[in-house]
Protein backbone atom coordinates (compact mmCIF):
# COMPACT_ATOMS: atom_id res chain seq x y z
CA MET A 1 124.12 123.71 47.91
CA ALA A 2 120.74 124.89 48.45
CA THR A 3 118.14 123.73 51.20
CA THR A 4 115.07 124.28 53.18
CA TRP A 5 115.47 125.62 56.83
CA ARG A 6 113.52 122.21 57.88
CA THR A 7 116.04 120.26 56.79
CA TRP A 8 119.14 122.39 57.94
CA ILE A 9 117.62 122.70 61.45
CA ALA A 10 116.78 119.29 61.65
CA ASN A 11 120.63 118.87 61.66
CA VAL A 12 120.74 118.58 65.73
CA ARG A 13 124.03 116.13 65.76
CA GLN A 14 125.83 119.41 64.87
CA GLY A 15 125.13 121.34 67.59
CA ASP A 16 122.60 123.93 68.74
CA VAL A 17 121.49 126.22 66.60
CA TYR A 18 122.22 129.93 66.57
CA PHE A 19 121.79 133.08 64.48
CA LEU A 20 123.96 136.07 63.49
CA LEU A 21 120.99 138.73 63.44
CA ASN A 22 121.26 142.25 62.14
CA ARG A 23 118.88 144.54 63.74
CA LEU A 24 119.15 147.04 60.99
CA ALA A 25 117.21 145.55 58.62
CA HIS A 26 113.57 145.84 57.85
CA SER A 27 111.86 144.83 59.38
CA ASP A 28 114.02 143.94 62.60
CA PRO A 29 114.26 139.83 62.57
CA THR A 30 114.94 140.28 66.32
CA ALA A 31 110.85 141.25 66.40
CA LEU A 32 109.33 138.05 64.99
CA PHE A 33 112.28 136.11 67.08
CA TYR A 34 110.69 137.48 70.03
CA HIS A 35 106.93 137.26 68.89
CA HIS A 36 106.99 133.72 68.16
CA ASN A 37 108.97 133.17 71.78
CA TRP A 38 111.74 131.50 69.86
CA ILE A 39 114.85 133.04 71.70
CA ASP A 40 116.64 130.90 74.57
CA GLU A 41 119.33 133.33 74.60
CA ALA A 42 120.41 136.78 73.03
CA VAL A 43 122.69 139.52 73.62
CA PRO A 44 123.58 142.43 71.52
CA LEU A 45 127.15 141.68 70.31
CA TYR A 46 128.65 145.52 70.47
CA ALA A 47 127.67 145.68 74.22
CA GLY A 48 130.72 146.31 76.41
CA THR A 49 133.02 146.86 73.29
CA PRO A 50 134.96 149.73 71.34
CA LEU A 51 131.44 149.38 69.20
CA SER A 52 128.98 149.79 71.96
CA HIS A 53 128.31 153.49 70.72
CA LEU A 54 126.94 152.39 67.84
CA GLY A 55 124.18 150.89 70.09
CA THR A 56 121.37 149.06 68.09
CA ALA A 57 123.22 148.86 64.88
CA GLY A 58 125.22 145.92 65.77
CA PRO A 59 124.63 142.15 65.70
CA TRP A 60 122.81 140.00 68.01
CA LEU A 61 123.59 136.70 68.86
CA VAL A 62 120.73 134.12 69.37
CA ARG A 63 120.74 130.66 70.16
CA ALA A 64 117.36 129.51 69.37
CA LYS A 65 115.17 127.12 71.28
CA TRP A 66 115.06 123.62 70.96
CA GLN A 67 111.18 123.07 71.26
CA ALA A 68 111.11 126.21 68.51
CA PHE A 69 112.57 124.59 65.93
CA SER A 70 109.99 123.03 63.72
CA GLY A 71 107.74 125.85 63.60
CA MET A 72 110.30 128.33 63.33
CA ALA A 73 111.36 126.32 60.39
CA GLU A 74 108.39 126.70 58.81
CA ILE A 75 107.93 130.00 59.45
CA LEU A 76 111.75 131.20 57.80
CA ASP A 77 110.73 128.91 54.32
CA THR A 78 108.14 130.89 53.80
CA GLY A 79 110.54 134.03 53.49
CA PRO A 80 109.36 136.62 56.36
CA PHE A 81 111.72 138.91 55.70
CA SER A 82 111.75 141.07 52.06
CA ASP A 83 115.47 142.13 53.47
CA ASP A 84 118.01 140.08 52.47
CA SER A 85 120.53 141.36 55.34
CA TRP A 86 118.44 140.05 57.95
CA GLY A 87 121.20 137.68 59.21
CA TRP A 88 122.08 133.56 59.00
CA ALA A 89 122.51 131.29 61.49
CA TYR A 90 125.04 128.03 61.99
CA HIS A 91 125.41 125.25 64.59
CA SER A 92 127.72 125.08 67.07
CA GLU A 93 129.10 122.81 70.12
CA ASP A 94 130.71 125.52 71.68
CA SER A 95 129.76 126.88 74.71
CA TRP A 96 127.60 130.43 74.70
CA GLU A 97 130.21 132.22 76.66
CA ASN A 98 132.73 131.01 74.24
CA GLN A 99 130.62 132.30 71.07
CA ILE A 100 130.18 135.56 72.66
CA ALA A 101 133.89 136.09 73.19
CA HIS A 102 134.25 134.77 69.28
CA TRP A 103 132.38 137.21 67.85
CA GLN A 104 133.16 140.30 70.30
CA LYS A 105 136.95 139.61 69.10
CA TYR A 106 136.24 139.23 65.18
CA GLN A 107 134.04 142.34 64.81
CA LEU A 108 137.00 144.75 64.09
CA ILE A 109 139.70 143.66 61.52
CA THR A 110 143.22 144.86 59.82
CA PHE A 111 142.08 145.46 55.87
CA GLU A 112 144.83 147.44 53.72
CA GLY A 113 146.42 148.22 56.93
CA GLU A 114 143.32 149.68 58.54
CA GLU A 115 141.46 149.05 61.16
CA ARG A 116 137.36 148.21 59.88
CA VAL A 117 134.31 146.50 61.19
CA LEU A 118 133.29 143.39 59.89
CA ARG A 119 130.01 143.05 59.07
CA LEU A 120 130.12 139.26 58.95
CA PHE A 121 126.68 139.16 60.22
CA ASP A 122 125.16 140.49 56.98
CA PRO A 123 124.59 137.37 55.18
CA ARG A 124 125.49 139.44 51.88
CA VAL A 125 128.91 139.41 52.97
CA ALA A 126 129.12 136.05 54.60
CA ALA A 127 127.91 134.53 51.34
CA VAL A 128 130.79 135.59 49.61
CA LEU A 129 133.13 135.35 52.25
CA ILE A 130 132.77 132.13 54.39
CA PRO A 131 132.63 129.86 50.78
CA ALA A 132 136.20 131.33 49.97
CA CYS A 133 137.32 130.22 53.77
CA LYS A 134 140.38 128.58 53.94
CA PRO A 135 141.45 126.20 56.59
CA ALA A 136 143.13 128.46 58.96
CA ASP A 137 140.12 131.01 58.33
CA TRP A 138 137.66 128.15 59.86
CA SER A 139 139.94 127.52 62.59
CA SER A 140 140.59 131.32 63.75
CA LEU A 141 137.48 133.42 62.38
CA LEU A 142 134.68 130.71 61.53
CA ARG A 143 135.93 128.74 64.94
CA PRO A 144 132.97 127.92 66.46
CA LEU A 145 130.69 126.62 62.86
CA ALA A 146 129.85 123.11 62.33
CA ASP A 147 128.29 124.25 59.48
CA CYS A 148 126.13 127.38 58.70
CA CYS A 149 123.03 128.12 56.55
CA ILE A 150 122.94 131.54 55.08
CA PRO A 151 119.87 132.63 53.09
CA SER A 152 119.42 135.05 49.81
CA SER A 153 116.73 135.65 47.25
CA GLN A 154 118.62 132.31 45.50
CA GLY A 155 117.94 130.31 48.08
CA ASN A 156 119.41 128.93 51.63
CA ARG A 157 123.06 128.23 50.88
CA VAL A 158 124.72 125.43 53.05
CA VAL A 159 128.86 125.71 54.29
CA ASN A 160 129.97 122.53 55.86
CA ARG A 161 133.16 122.94 58.32
CA LEU A 162 136.39 122.28 56.20
CA PRO A 163 137.61 118.61 57.08
CA SER A 164 140.92 118.18 59.44
CA THR A 165 140.53 122.21 60.52
CA GLY A 166 141.92 122.51 64.11
CA TYR A 167 141.03 125.23 66.66
CA SER A 168 143.10 128.49 67.02
CA THR A 169 143.43 131.57 68.20
CA VAL A 170 144.68 135.05 66.42
CA PRO A 171 146.89 136.71 68.99
CA SER A 172 146.41 140.57 67.38
CA ARG A 173 143.38 141.55 64.68
CA PHE A 174 142.34 138.97 62.16
CA GLU A 175 143.89 140.16 58.58
CA PRO A 176 142.06 138.61 55.76
CA GLY A 177 144.00 136.69 53.41
CA VAL A 178 144.50 137.41 49.48
CA HIS A 179 141.84 135.10 48.81
CA LEU A 180 138.85 136.46 50.90
CA MET A 181 139.90 140.25 49.85
CA GLN A 182 139.70 138.72 45.64
CA ALA A 183 136.62 137.04 46.55
CA TRP A 184 135.08 140.28 47.97
CA ASN A 185 136.05 142.35 45.10
CA GLN A 186 135.20 140.40 42.55
CA SER A 187 131.18 139.75 43.87
CA GLU A 188 128.31 141.25 42.81
CA GLN A 189 127.55 142.71 46.31
CA ALA A 190 130.91 144.16 46.59
CA ARG A 191 129.80 146.52 43.30
CA ARG A 192 126.70 147.13 44.28
CA ASN A 193 128.09 148.49 47.59
CA VAL A 194 130.64 150.75 45.29
CA ALA A 195 127.86 152.03 43.26
CA ASP A 196 125.44 152.95 46.26
CA ASN A 197 128.54 154.46 47.96
CA PHE A 198 129.41 156.48 44.89
CA GLN A 199 125.97 157.52 44.39
CA ILE A 200 125.87 159.05 47.59
CA THR A 201 129.18 160.94 47.48
CA PHE A 202 128.13 162.38 43.84
CA TRP A 203 124.83 163.69 45.31
CA GLU A 204 126.65 165.45 48.12
CA GLU A 205 129.26 167.03 45.59
CA TYR A 206 127.03 167.44 42.87
CA PRO A 207 123.71 167.77 43.95
CA GLU A 208 122.10 169.94 40.52
CA LEU A 209 123.87 167.40 38.07
CA ALA A 210 122.68 164.28 40.18
CA LEU A 211 118.97 165.78 40.09
CA THR A 212 119.62 166.44 36.38
CA LEU A 213 120.76 162.79 35.81
CA ASP A 214 118.23 161.05 37.78
CA GLU A 215 115.76 161.77 35.70
CA PRO A 216 113.47 159.64 35.50
CA PRO A 217 114.30 158.36 38.95
CA GLY A 218 116.93 155.55 39.15
CA ARG A 219 118.42 156.78 36.07
CA LEU A 220 121.58 158.13 37.92
CA PHE A 221 122.71 154.55 39.20
CA SER A 222 121.87 153.04 35.92
CA LEU A 223 124.39 155.55 34.70
CA ILE A 224 126.96 154.72 37.60
CA ASN A 225 126.63 150.83 36.59
CA SER A 226 127.21 151.20 32.96
CA CYS A 227 129.91 153.80 34.10
CA MET A 228 131.58 151.21 36.16
CA ASP A 229 131.18 148.18 33.31
CA ASP A 230 132.60 150.89 30.53
CA TYR A 231 136.06 151.53 32.95
CA GLU A 232 136.22 147.43 33.80
CA ASN A 233 136.48 146.78 29.81
CA ASP A 234 139.42 149.18 30.25
CA LEU A 235 140.61 146.95 32.97
CA VAL A 236 140.08 149.89 35.16
CA ASP A 237 139.43 149.04 38.97
CA VAL A 238 136.08 150.19 39.74
CA VAL A 239 136.54 150.41 43.07
CA TRP A 240 138.08 153.18 43.02
CA LEU A 241 135.42 155.06 40.96
CA LYS A 242 135.88 158.75 41.57
CA ASN A 243 133.79 161.72 40.70
CA ASP A 244 136.06 163.25 37.50
CA MET A 245 136.16 159.35 36.59
CA PHE A 246 132.21 159.40 36.12
CA ILE A 247 131.93 163.03 34.48
CA ARG A 248 134.63 161.72 31.97
CA TYR A 249 132.68 159.27 30.89
CA LEU A 250 129.10 161.17 30.96
CA LYS A 251 130.98 163.86 28.72
CA ASN A 252 132.74 161.19 26.45
CA ASN A 253 129.18 159.49 25.96
CA ASN A 254 127.45 163.11 25.26
CA LEU A 255 125.54 162.41 28.68
CA MET A 256 125.45 165.65 29.75
CA LYS A 257 123.59 168.01 27.20
CA ASN A 258 120.28 168.57 29.15
CA TYR A 259 123.06 170.04 31.72
CA SER A 260 123.85 173.64 32.02
CA GLY A 261 126.07 173.90 34.95
CA THR A 262 129.62 173.42 34.77
CA VAL A 263 131.37 171.10 36.35
CA ASN A 264 135.32 169.54 35.68
CA ALA A 265 136.99 166.12 34.87
CA ILE A 266 140.67 165.80 34.08
């Protein structure tokens, strides 16, 4: 359900208010939090971990001052961040030290047999995965949370802890279940990520063709999305979209007539 920050933050019975902030967002949300003196405690979660080399690219865990709740909620309800990836919040009664240890443990996961970084601090990711979590996920991955408030362009979404979920630890790397993988692969955010990453790869491999196709600016991205639609209609998994597949689509739809170079596609 959608709710305001004022309503959600006021629910102090759920515990203190914590934020996972993405410092790579534009603008850096920690700057606003420090400017308004909203921070009781804060720590960069990658510090002292195998991801410490990423520096400021990592998330910050922030405990908000209870004295600042009213003013903070009022400002957050104005939508001060233009970047949807700025962060999200949760209530918790767990200790500060336990929460730091928890989030540092779960920043690396096993996904399809490989070690991956879980960017759960990005609300675009959290908005897909957290609602899909089952009791076992709440007892491990989401252990500190009583509930959470995830902002988006469609409004804040509150997700409450599932009833009768205990607390457990994962002895090794957390591995998302099939339900989480399906939720992500079927999400609009996953599709946007595929299109963004593919566009970068295509520019690197075929800069001249990409320049031709991107006239006017933005046309290339639209073509990529149309290509993905076409393959999905044929029940092809676009997560694995490759250059040769895109070029084949362009040729089949006579979209390369203004390009004089040579490319190959199976």
